[in-house]
Protein backbone atom coordinates (compact mmCIF):
# COMPACT_ATOMS: atom_id res chain seq x y z
CA GLU A 1 -4.40 -14.61 -23.55
CA ARG A 2 -4.47 -15.62 -19.83
CA ILE A 3 -8.14 -16.98 -18.35
CA SER A 4 -9.25 -15.73 -15.29
CA PRO A 5 -9.70 -19.01 -13.00
CA VAL A 6 -13.02 -16.37 -11.26
CA LYS A 7 -15.77 -15.34 -12.56
CA MET A 8 -14.98 -11.80 -12.67
CA LYS A 9 -16.17 -8.34 -14.96
CA VAL A 10 -13.86 -5.70 -16.35
CA PHE A 11 -15.12 -2.23 -16.13
CA LYS A 12 -13.31 0.34 -18.72
CA ASN A 13 -12.85 3.94 -18.74
CA SER A 14 -13.45 6.89 -21.98
CA GLU A 15 -10.22 8.49 -20.09
CA ASN A 16 -7.88 8.19 -17.81
CA LEU A 17 -9.28 9.30 -14.27
CA GLY A 18 -6.19 7.96 -11.65
CA ILE A 19 -6.10 5.25 -9.31
CA SER A 20 -8.31 7.55 -6.40
CA LYS A 21 -11.35 8.19 -9.06
CA ASN A 22 -10.61 4.73 -10.87
CA LEU A 23 -11.02 3.16 -7.29
CA ASN A 24 -13.57 5.02 -6.16
CA ARG A 25 -16.07 4.08 -9.44
CA LEU A 26 -14.82 0.77 -9.06
CA ILE A 27 -16.43 0.69 -5.39
CA SER A 28 -19.55 2.41 -6.49
CA LEU A 29 -19.83 -0.44 -9.09
CA ALA A 30 -19.05 -3.13 -6.54
CA LYS A 31 -22.14 -5.59 -6.05
CA GLY A 32 -20.54 -8.25 -3.21
CA ASN A 33 -20.53 -6.97 0.93
CA ILE A 34 -16.12 -7.55 0.84
CA ILE A 35 -13.78 -5.49 -1.19
CA SER A 36 -10.29 -6.73 -1.83
CA PHE A 37 -7.49 -4.62 -3.66
CA MET A 38 -4.82 -5.40 -5.52
CA ALA A 39 -2.69 -4.05 -7.95
CA SER A 40 -1.86 -5.03 -11.60
CA ASP A 41 1.89 -5.95 -10.70
CA ASP A 42 1.45 -7.99 -7.63
CA ARG A 43 -0.67 -11.01 -7.67
CA TYR A 44 -2.38 -13.15 -4.32
CA TYR A 45 -1.13 -15.78 -2.69
CA GLY A 46 -2.70 -19.05 -1.46
CA LYS A 47 -6.50 -19.90 -1.81
CA LYS A 48 -6.65 -21.46 1.97
CA THR A 49 -5.91 -17.72 3.77
CA PHE A 50 -8.47 -16.40 1.50
CA SER A 51 -11.24 -18.18 2.17
CA GLU A 52 -10.12 -17.69 5.77
CA ASN A 53 -9.63 -13.73 5.37
CA LEU A 54 -13.96 -14.39 4.25
CA ASP A 55 -14.79 -16.68 7.24
CA LYS A 56 -13.72 -13.74 10.05
CA LEU A 57 -15.07 -11.07 8.62
CA ALA A 58 -18.71 -13.77 7.93
CA LYS A 59 -17.98 -14.08 11.98
CA ASN A 60 -17.58 -11.27 13.34
CA PRO A 61 -19.41 -8.01 12.37
CA LYS A 62 -17.49 -5.60 14.70
CA ILE A 63 -13.84 -6.29 12.18
CA GLN A 64 -14.41 -4.04 9.27
CA ALA A 65 -10.93 -4.37 7.56
CA ILE A 66 -8.46 -7.93 7.48
CA TYR A 67 -5.00 -6.07 6.58
CA THR A 68 -3.15 -9.06 5.33
CA GLU A 69 1.27 -10.48 5.75
CA GLY A 70 3.01 -10.29 1.84
CA TYR A 71 6.21 -11.04 0.37
CA ILE A 72 8.26 -8.24 -0.87
CA TRP A 73 9.84 -10.18 -4.73
CA ASN A 74 11.03 -8.99 -7.46
CA GLY A 75 9.24 -11.41 -10.16
CA LYS A 76 11.79 -14.11 -9.06
CA ASP A 77 13.13 -14.17 -5.45
CA PHE A 78 11.28 -13.11 -1.82
CA LEU A 79 13.11 -10.19 -0.48
CA GLY A 80 11.30 -10.33 2.95
CA LYS A 81 7.96 -9.08 3.76
CA ALA A 82 5.68 -6.60 2.98
CA GLN A 83 3.75 -4.75 5.64
CA GLY A 84 5.78 -2.80 8.66
CA ARG A 85 6.72 -4.09 11.87
CA LYS A 86 5.13 -0.96 13.02
CA GLU A 87 2.30 -0.75 12.24
CA VAL A 88 1.88 -4.43 12.10
CA SER A 89 2.43 -4.46 16.08
CA TYR A 90 -0.14 -2.21 16.90
CA ILE A 91 -3.12 -3.80 14.99
CA LYS A 92 -2.19 -6.76 16.45
CA ALA A 93 -2.83 -5.06 20.04
CA ARG A 94 -5.66 -3.07 18.69
CA LYS A 95 -3.95 0.35 20.07
CA TYR A 96 -5.24 2.27 17.49
CA LYS A 97 -4.89 5.55 18.60
CA GLU A 98 -1.29 4.71 18.54
CA LEU A 99 -1.37 3.15 15.30
CA LEU A 100 -2.98 6.44 13.53
CA ASP A 101 -0.50 8.77 15.65
CA TYR A 102 2.45 6.50 13.94
CA MET A 103 0.61 7.45 10.60
CA LEU A 104 0.15 10.82 10.99
CA SER A 105 3.84 11.56 12.18
CA ASN A 106 5.77 9.12 9.92
CA VAL A 107 5.91 7.99 6.63
CA PRO A 108 3.87 4.14 7.30
CA HIS A 109 4.36 1.08 5.43
CA LEU A 110 1.12 -0.12 5.32
CA LEU A 111 0.11 -1.88 2.48
CA ILE A 112 -3.71 -2.60 1.32
CA GLN A 113 -2.71 -5.12 -1.15
CA GLY A 114 -3.96 -8.04 -0.73
CA GLY A 115 -6.47 -6.67 2.61
CA PHE A 116 -10.39 -6.91 2.54
CA PHE A 117 -12.59 -4.09 3.72
CA ARG A 118 -16.31 -4.16 4.16
CA LYS A 119 -17.98 -1.89 1.37
CA SER A 120 -20.23 -0.77 3.91
CA LEU A 121 -16.96 0.68 5.64
CA LEU A 122 -15.55 2.37 2.10
CA ASP A 123 -19.02 4.06 1.66
CA SER A 124 -19.09 5.56 5.20
CA ILE A 125 -15.30 6.74 4.90
CA LYS A 126 -16.08 7.97 1.05
CA GLY A 127 -13.35 5.95 -0.28
CA PHE A 128 -10.36 7.56 -2.03
CA ASP A 129 -8.97 10.94 -1.09
CA GLU A 130 -9.56 11.98 -4.88
CA ASN A 131 -7.65 15.31 -4.08
CA LEU A 132 -4.37 13.66 -3.26
CA LYS A 133 -2.17 10.99 -4.81
CA ALA A 134 -0.96 9.50 -1.75
CA ASP A 135 -3.64 7.19 -2.68
CA ASP A 136 -3.40 3.97 0.00
CA TRP A 137 -2.17 6.00 3.15
CA VAL A 138 -4.65 7.78 2.85
CA LEU A 139 -6.57 5.33 2.90
CA ASN A 140 -5.72 4.45 5.99
CA ILE A 141 -6.01 6.96 7.82
CA LYS A 142 -9.75 7.48 6.85
CA ILE A 143 -10.20 3.30 8.16
CA ILE A 144 -8.52 4.19 11.41
CA LYS A 145 -10.06 7.25 12.43
CA TYR A 146 -13.57 5.47 11.54
CA ILE A 147 -13.35 2.20 13.55
CA LEU A 148 -11.78 4.68 16.43
CA ASN A 149 -14.79 6.68 16.42
CA ASN A 150 -17.35 4.04 16.36
CA ASN A 151 -15.75 1.53 18.37
CA LEU A 152 -14.66 -0.88 15.93
CA GLU A 153 -12.01 -3.31 14.54
CA ILE A 154 -9.34 -4.39 12.39
CA ILE A 155 -6.95 -6.87 12.33
CA TYR A 156 -3.81 -8.45 10.56
CA ASN A 157 -3.44 -11.67 9.25
CA GLU A 158 -0.03 -12.77 9.33
CA GLU A 159 -0.47 -15.40 6.96
CA ILE A 160 0.40 -14.78 3.30
CA CYS A 161 -1.79 -13.71 0.97
CA PHE A 162 -0.02 -11.84 -1.46
CA LEU A 163 3.23 -10.91 -3.32
CA TYR A 164 4.04 -7.19 -4.60
CA ARG A 165 6.57 -6.57 -6.94
CA LYS A 166 9.44 -4.83 -6.01
CA HIS A 167 10.46 -2.69 -8.91
CA GLU A 168 14.16 -0.79 -9.33
CA SER A 169 13.35 2.90 -7.79
CA ASN A 170 16.85 5.01 -7.92
CA THR A 171 16.76 7.97 -9.63
CA THR A 172 16.28 11.22 -8.09
CA LYS A 173 12.90 11.67 -9.93
CA ASP A 174 11.41 9.14 -8.12
CA LEU A 175 13.06 11.45 -5.04
CA ASP A 176 10.84 14.15 -5.66
CA LYS A 177 7.44 12.26 -6.46
CA ILE A 178 7.75 10.62 -3.00
CA TYR A 179 8.68 14.15 -1.15
CA ASN A 180 5.37 14.99 -2.75
CA LEU A 181 3.55 12.65 -1.94
CA ILE A 182 4.41 13.19 1.56
CA GLN A 183 3.92 16.89 1.79
CA GLU A 184 0.21 16.77 0.13
CA VAL A 185 -0.25 14.03 3.53
CA ILE A 186 1.27 16.21 5.78
CA ILE A 187 -0.80 19.24 4.68
CA SER A 188 -4.00 18.01 4.38
CA TYR A 189 -3.90 15.51 7.44
CA THR A 190 -1.31 15.55 10.26
CA PRO A 191 -2.86 18.31 13.07
CA PHE A 192 -1.76 21.75 13.50
CA ASN A 193 0.92 21.99 15.55
CA LYS A 194 2.62 18.54 14.23
CA LYS A 195 2.93 20.07 10.71
CA LYS A 196 5.74 22.42 11.07
CA CYS A 197 8.46 19.95 12.65
CA LEU A 198 7.05 16.78 10.21
CA LEU A 199 7.76 19.74 6.96
CA ALA A 200 11.02 19.75 8.28
CA ARG A 201 11.55 16.02 9.27
CA LEU A 202 10.32 15.31 5.77
CA ASN A 203 13.30 18.38 4.45
CA TRP A 204 15.94 17.22 6.17
CA ARG A 205 15.16 13.06 4.85
CA HIS A 206 15.08 14.38 2.04
CA GLY A 207 18.08 16.72 1.96
CA LYS A 208 20.14 13.44 2.98
CA ARG A 209 18.56 11.00 0.14
CA LEU A 210 19.94 14.13 -2.08
CA LEU A 211 22.88 14.02 -1.35
CA LYS A 212 23.26 9.74 -1.83
CA PHE A 213 23.13 10.86 -5.09
CA ARG A 214 25.45 14.04 -5.46
CA LYS A 215 22.79 16.87 -5.53
CA SER A 216 25.01 18.70 -2.76
CA PHE A 217 23.48 22.20 -3.22
CA SER A 218 19.73 20.71 -3.11
CA GLY A 219 20.53 18.17 -0.45
CA PHE A 220 22.31 20.84 1.43
CA LYS A 221 19.12 23.27 0.96
CA TYR A 222 16.50 20.98 2.04
CA MET A 223 18.38 19.82 5.07
CA PHE A 224 19.17 23.78 6.06
CA SER A 225 15.47 24.23 6.18
CA GLY A 226 14.86 20.85 8.12
CA LEU A 227 17.11 22.05 10.59
CA VAL A 228 15.67 25.72 11.61
CA SER A 229 11.81 25.00 10.91
CA CYS A 230 12.37 22.36 14.08
CA PRO A 231 15.94 21.65 15.26
CA THR A 232 14.44 19.54 18.26
CA TYR A 233 12.99 17.15 14.95
CA ILE A 234 16.16 16.49 13.78
CA PHE A 235 18.25 16.46 16.70
CA ALA A 236 16.01 13.03 17.88
CA ASP A 237 16.21 12.04 13.53
CA ILE A 238 19.90 12.28 14.47
CA LEU A 239 20.02 10.30 17.48
CA GLU A 240 17.90 8.33 16.42
CA TYR A 241 20.11 7.27 13.62
CA ILE A 242 23.41 6.89 15.70
CA GLN A 243 21.83 4.73 18.37
CA LYS A 244 20.99 2.10 14.92
CA LYS A 245 24.44 2.59 14.04
CA LEU A 246 26.02 1.70 17.61
CA ASN A 247 22.96 -1.00 17.83
CA LEU A 248 21.93 0.70 21.92
CA LYS A 249 18.23 0.41 20.57
CA LYS A 250 16.13 -2.02 21.16
C-alpha cells in the first residue's frame, strides 16, 4: 500500500455520483484557497513547478487559474505535449475572447489536470455542470466566460507539471461516446446561430471516423447528414484537409 508524501484527507461517497457531482462535492469540502485537479491514472511531475504555480497566484490576485503543460505518456514512454497548441497560443497572448470562440466552435484540448484554480473562481461559476458528461470542456468554457465578464486573467505555465496517461481507445463504442459528449456541449453552450453548422460538422467528422472502422452505412449516413445541413462548413473542412495534405497551410 502506497503512502502519500503529503497530508491528505480521503472522502468516500455512499453511492457513485459521477465525475461532475463528485468533483463539485470535493470543491465544496475544500478548505484551501487553491484547488488542483488530477485524475487517478495521471500524476504530477516536478516539485519545483508545483510551488512556482502557487507563488504566481499568491503574487497576482487578478490571475484566477494557471493551466500547465504536461506530457502524454503510456506508462512507459513520453508521446508529446498534452495541451492543444491553439488553446495555449490564445492563453499566452491573453486573447480570451478568441479562446472562448474557439472552444465554442471546436473540440478543444485544454486539460485541467495539473492546473491550479482559485476556489473563489470555482465557487463563483458553480463548479462543473452536473447535467453534462463533458466535464473539463464545460468547466473551461465557464471559466473563460467569467474572466471575460470580470476583467480577470488566466495564464499558462509551459513547464511540465503533469503526466497525462494515454489509453488505447480504438473501438466504435469509444467513438459513439465522444460523439455524444460533443453533441451535448454544442447543444447546451454554443450560440444559437452556430449550432446547426457545428452539429453538421460533428456529423461529417464522426461519419469519416466510422468509415475507418468499415462502418460504411453509418459512416455515409452521418456524412450525408452533415453535408446537407451545412455545406459551407463541410466544404471548408474538406479544403482544410486538402491544404494539410499538400502542406499549403502554415
